[in-house]
Amino acid sequence: MIFHEKLKLKFDVEAMREEFVSVQQLGDRVGLWHGPAAFGGWALQSQDGDWRSGFEKGGLYKNTDDKLVAKEPALAIHEYHMRTSACTGIFSDIIDELEEQGFYPHRSRITVLDPGQITIWHTDALDSCYSVRIHIPFITNLDCAFEVQDEGAVHMPADGHAYLIDSSTTHRAYNKGTEIRMHFLAQVWPTKHSEHFIVNESQKDISDFHNMKGYKIYQQVMRDKAKGL
């Protein structure tokens, strides 16, 4: 099973670290309790333009019987499109670049996982849904990883590269190091760049998860495919 992919796209992580100083001045991060881990950050795209928005609970989580149960539903991904006051400098430039490259980024945010924290096992979409996220780490350490249950873990270094992650898997993130972990994160449809995460004929039900925005993207992908693009 392939659950991650390193892209050729690279970004300036030093500029991301410098810009984050300005973002941090907006206020303390918005936190989510993800099991024992405090996991949250600053929204770069939200449903109402507020940097505190975009971290609503959602997805499917394991309960005590080891079954996946739905929690409070988040809005459809296409609702998270308004840029916030945290979306400045290099972060705004990244979203511009992703849009130009055909990634259709939504619900972009800066996420934080503190040293010693581990999120619970969870999935962010049903198996039948297309749910891929782009990660650009800009502060991390070798003891951080994204782990998929029964498949393994991958460390994403802060080397400027962008990474794709299948968030429909049962997964967790951990930071067993002594330094904070910070990523740029967004929901994407990487139709022109990914070798593994392509919207295909068997994923018409993408519209069930991403509403009409996702279905329109699916239709455009099929048109591009027919033209050999």
Protein backbone atom coordinates (compact mmCIF):
# COMPACT_ATOMS: atom_id res chain seq x y z
CA MET A 1 0.00 0.00 0.00
CA ILE A 2 1.29 3.46 -0.88
CA PHE A 3 0.24 6.12 1.61
CA HIS A 4 2.79 8.88 0.98
CA GLU A 5 4.65 10.45 -1.90
CA LYS A 6 7.52 12.93 -2.05
CA LEU A 7 7.02 15.59 -4.70
CA LYS A 8 9.60 17.47 -6.75
CA LEU A 9 8.08 20.75 -5.58
CA LYS A 10 10.26 22.62 -3.08
CA PHE A 11 9.62 25.67 -0.94
CA ASP A 12 11.71 28.03 1.18
CA VAL A 13 11.42 26.64 4.72
CA GLU A 14 13.61 29.40 6.16
CA ALA A 15 11.14 31.97 4.84
CA MET A 16 8.33 29.90 6.36
CA ARG A 17 10.03 29.97 9.76
CA GLU A 18 10.56 33.72 9.52
CA GLU A 19 6.97 34.39 8.43
CA PHE A 20 5.66 32.23 11.24
CA VAL A 21 6.94 34.83 13.73
CA SER A 22 4.34 37.23 12.33
CA VAL A 23 1.61 34.58 12.37
CA GLN A 24 2.32 33.77 16.00
CA GLN A 25 1.72 37.40 16.94
CA LEU A 26 -1.94 37.03 15.97
CA GLY A 27 -2.54 34.98 19.09
CA ASP A 28 -2.11 31.57 20.66
CA ARG A 29 -2.84 28.65 18.40
CA VAL A 30 -6.25 27.06 18.32
CA GLY A 31 -5.98 23.61 19.85
CA LEU A 32 -7.74 20.33 19.30
CA TRP A 33 -7.54 17.54 21.79
CA HIS A 34 -6.69 14.53 19.67
CA GLY A 35 -6.71 11.84 22.32
CA PRO A 36 -3.78 12.56 24.63
CA ALA A 37 -2.21 15.03 22.17
CA ALA A 38 -2.78 18.75 21.90
CA PHE A 39 -2.92 19.28 18.16
CA GLY A 40 -3.81 22.54 16.49
CA GLY A 41 -2.46 25.69 14.93
CA TRP A 42 -3.51 28.63 12.74
CA ALA A 43 -5.91 28.47 9.80
CA LEU A 44 -4.66 29.96 6.54
CA GLN A 45 -7.94 29.21 4.77
CA SER A 46 -11.16 28.97 6.71
CA GLN A 47 -14.90 29.06 6.12
CA ASP A 48 -15.26 32.63 7.39
CA GLY A 49 -11.81 34.20 7.03
CA ASP A 50 -10.95 33.89 10.73
CA TRP A 51 -7.57 32.32 11.53
CA ARG A 52 -9.13 30.58 14.53
CA SER A 53 -11.56 28.73 12.26
CA GLY A 54 -10.81 25.66 10.21
CA PHE A 55 -10.04 23.35 13.12
CA GLU A 56 -13.52 21.98 13.75
CA LYS A 57 -13.69 18.40 14.82
CA GLY A 58 -14.43 15.92 12.08
CA GLY A 59 -13.46 12.60 10.61
CA LEU A 60 -13.75 9.10 11.97
CA TYR A 61 -12.04 7.91 15.12
CA LYS A 62 -11.49 4.59 16.89
CA ASN A 63 -13.57 3.99 19.96
CA THR A 64 -12.86 1.61 22.83
CA ASP A 65 -14.11 -1.35 20.79
CA ASP A 66 -11.55 -0.57 18.10
CA LYS A 67 -14.28 0.52 15.71
CA LEU A 68 -14.41 3.70 13.66
CA VAL A 69 -17.10 6.09 14.81
CA ALA A 70 -18.07 9.48 13.40
CA LYS A 71 -17.45 12.57 15.50
CA GLU A 72 -18.77 16.08 14.97
CA PRO A 73 -18.71 16.59 11.20
CA ALA A 74 -16.59 19.32 9.72
CA LEU A 75 -17.91 21.38 6.86
CA ALA A 76 -17.40 20.18 3.31
CA ILE A 77 -13.80 20.87 2.31
CA HIS A 78 -14.76 23.36 -0.39
CA GLU A 79 -16.19 25.64 2.33
CA TYR A 80 -12.67 26.30 3.68
CA HIS A 81 -11.48 28.67 0.97
CA MET A 82 -11.30 32.18 2.46
CA ARG A 83 -7.78 33.36 3.25
CA THR A 84 -7.22 34.53 6.81
CA SER A 85 -4.99 37.15 8.41
CA ALA A 86 -2.47 34.36 9.06
CA CYS A 87 -2.16 33.80 5.33
CA THR A 88 0.66 36.25 4.66
CA GLY A 89 4.06 36.29 2.99
CA ILE A 90 5.43 32.89 2.00
CA PHE A 91 2.28 31.10 3.18
CA SER A 92 0.12 33.11 0.78
CA ASP A 93 2.72 32.53 -1.93
CA ILE A 94 2.55 28.75 -1.34
CA ILE A 95 -1.21 28.73 -1.76
CA ASP A 96 -0.84 30.82 -4.92
CA GLU A 97 1.70 28.33 -6.27
CA LEU A 98 -0.45 25.33 -5.42
CA GLU A 99 -3.44 26.93 -7.12
CA GLU A 100 -1.39 27.71 -10.23
CA GLN A 101 -0.09 24.13 -10.31
CA GLY A 102 -3.60 22.65 -10.18
CA PHE A 103 -3.65 21.32 -6.61
CA TYR A 104 -6.92 23.10 -5.69
CA PRO A 105 -5.78 23.70 -2.06
CA HIS A 106 -8.46 24.07 0.60
CA ARG A 107 -8.43 24.19 4.39
CA SER A 108 -4.76 25.19 4.41
CA ARG A 109 -3.32 25.63 7.88
CA ILE A 110 -0.22 25.61 10.02
CA THR A 111 -0.33 22.59 12.30
CA VAL A 112 1.62 22.04 15.50
CA LEU A 113 2.45 18.89 17.43
CA ASP A 114 4.36 19.43 20.65
CA PRO A 115 7.33 17.31 21.82
CA GLY A 116 6.22 14.02 23.34
CA GLN A 117 2.74 14.14 21.79
CA ILE A 118 0.99 11.37 19.82
CA THR A 119 -2.42 11.71 18.19
CA ILE A 120 -4.95 8.91 18.45
CA TRP A 121 -5.42 6.45 15.60
CA HIS A 122 -7.97 7.95 13.26
CA THR A 123 -8.98 8.43 9.66
CA ASP A 124 -10.20 11.60 8.00
CA ALA A 125 -12.36 10.02 5.29
CA LEU A 126 -13.99 6.79 4.25
CA ASP A 127 -11.88 4.38 2.20
CA SER A 128 -13.98 5.04 -0.88
CA CYS A 129 -13.34 8.78 -0.75
CA TYR A 130 -10.44 10.64 -2.27
CA SER A 131 -8.72 12.39 0.64
CA VAL A 132 -5.16 13.54 0.06
CA ARG A 133 -3.25 16.21 1.93
CA ILE A 134 -0.05 18.04 1.16
CA HIS A 135 2.51 18.52 3.94
CA ILE A 136 5.40 20.95 3.89
CA PRO A 137 7.36 20.53 7.13
CA PHE A 138 9.29 23.61 8.20
CA ILE A 139 10.20 22.68 11.78
CA THR A 140 10.64 19.04 12.76
CA ASN A 141 13.04 16.46 14.13
CA LEU A 142 14.03 12.88 13.30
CA ASP A 143 11.70 11.51 15.98
CA CYS A 144 8.57 12.80 14.21
CA ALA A 145 6.57 10.63 11.84
CA PHE A 146 3.25 10.01 10.13
CA GLU A 147 2.29 6.40 10.81
CA VAL A 148 -0.30 4.23 9.07
CA GLN A 149 -1.67 1.29 11.01
CA ASP A 150 -0.23 -2.07 9.86
CA GLU A 151 1.77 -0.33 7.12
CA GLY A 152 4.59 1.62 8.72
CA ALA A 153 5.72 5.18 9.33
CA VAL A 154 7.40 7.92 7.32
CA HIS A 155 9.44 10.86 8.55
CA MET A 156 9.04 14.01 6.49
CA PRO A 157 12.14 16.20 6.88
CA ALA A 158 12.03 19.98 6.74
CA ASP A 159 14.07 20.06 3.53
CA GLY A 160 11.68 22.20 1.51
CA HIS A 161 10.03 19.29 -0.27
CA ALA A 162 6.28 18.84 -0.31
CA TYR A 163 4.81 15.45 0.57
CA LEU A 164 1.44 13.91 -0.21
CA ILE A 165 -0.35 11.82 2.40
CA ASP A 166 -3.42 9.62 2.03
CA SER A 167 -5.59 10.74 4.94
CA SER A 168 -8.28 8.10 4.31
CA THR A 169 -6.00 5.54 6.01
CA THR A 170 -6.11 4.76 9.72
CA HIS A 171 -3.17 6.83 10.88
CA ARG A 172 -1.62 8.92 13.59
CA ALA A 173 1.17 11.46 13.92
CA TYR A 174 3.75 11.49 16.66
CA ASN A 175 6.54 13.70 17.93
CA LYS A 176 8.83 11.71 20.21
CA GLY A 177 11.56 14.32 19.97
CA THR A 178 12.40 17.41 22.01
CA GLU A 179 11.60 20.00 19.34
CA ILE A 180 8.19 21.16 18.17
CA ARG A 181 6.80 19.84 14.86
CA MET A 182 5.23 22.38 12.49
CA HIS A 183 3.83 21.70 9.02
CA PHE A 184 2.01 23.63 6.32
CA LEU A 185 -0.97 21.38 5.57
CA ALA A 186 -3.79 21.53 3.02
CA GLN A 187 -6.35 19.31 1.39
CA VAL A 188 -5.43 18.93 -2.29
CA TRP A 189 -6.28 17.18 -5.54
CA PRO A 190 -2.75 16.75 -7.02
CA THR A 191 -3.91 15.68 -10.45
CA LYS A 192 -0.90 16.84 -12.46
CA HIS A 193 1.94 16.00 -10.09
CA SER A 194 1.22 12.75 -8.28
CA GLU A 195 2.15 9.32 -9.58
CA HIS A 196 -0.02 7.53 -7.03
CA PHE A 197 -2.89 9.75 -5.89
CA ILE A 198 -4.83 10.32 -9.10
CA VAL A 199 -8.58 10.80 -9.14
CA ASN A 200 -9.81 7.93 -11.28
CA GLU A 201 -12.99 6.41 -12.66
CA SER A 202 -13.57 4.34 -9.53
CA GLN A 203 -13.71 7.43 -7.32
CA LYS A 204 -16.83 9.12 -8.58
CA ASP A 205 -18.08 9.19 -5.01
CA ILE A 206 -15.49 11.88 -4.33
CA SER A 207 -18.52 14.16 -4.53
CA ASP A 208 -19.96 12.56 -1.39
CA PHE A 209 -17.04 13.85 0.69
CA HIS A 210 -16.06 17.03 -1.12
CA ASN A 211 -19.52 18.00 -2.33
CA MET A 212 -19.87 19.68 -5.72
CA LYS A 213 -16.38 21.21 -5.63
CA GLY A 214 -14.86 17.76 -5.61
CA TYR A 215 -17.12 16.52 -8.37
CA LYS A 216 -16.25 19.48 -10.59
CA ILE A 217 -12.57 18.71 -10.05
CA TYR A 218 -13.21 15.08 -10.92
CA GLN A 219 -14.93 16.12 -14.14
CA GLN A 220 -12.04 18.42 -15.09
CA VAL A 221 -9.54 15.62 -14.42
CA MET A 222 -11.48 13.31 -16.71
CA ARG A 223 -11.56 15.99 -19.43
CA ASP A 224 -7.80 16.55 -19.10
CA LYS A 225 -7.22 12.80 -19.21
CA ALA A 226 -9.26 12.52 -22.40
CA LYS A 227 -7.15 15.27 -23.96
CA GLY A 228 -3.95 13.53 -22.90
CA LEU A 229 -2.91 16.32 -20.52
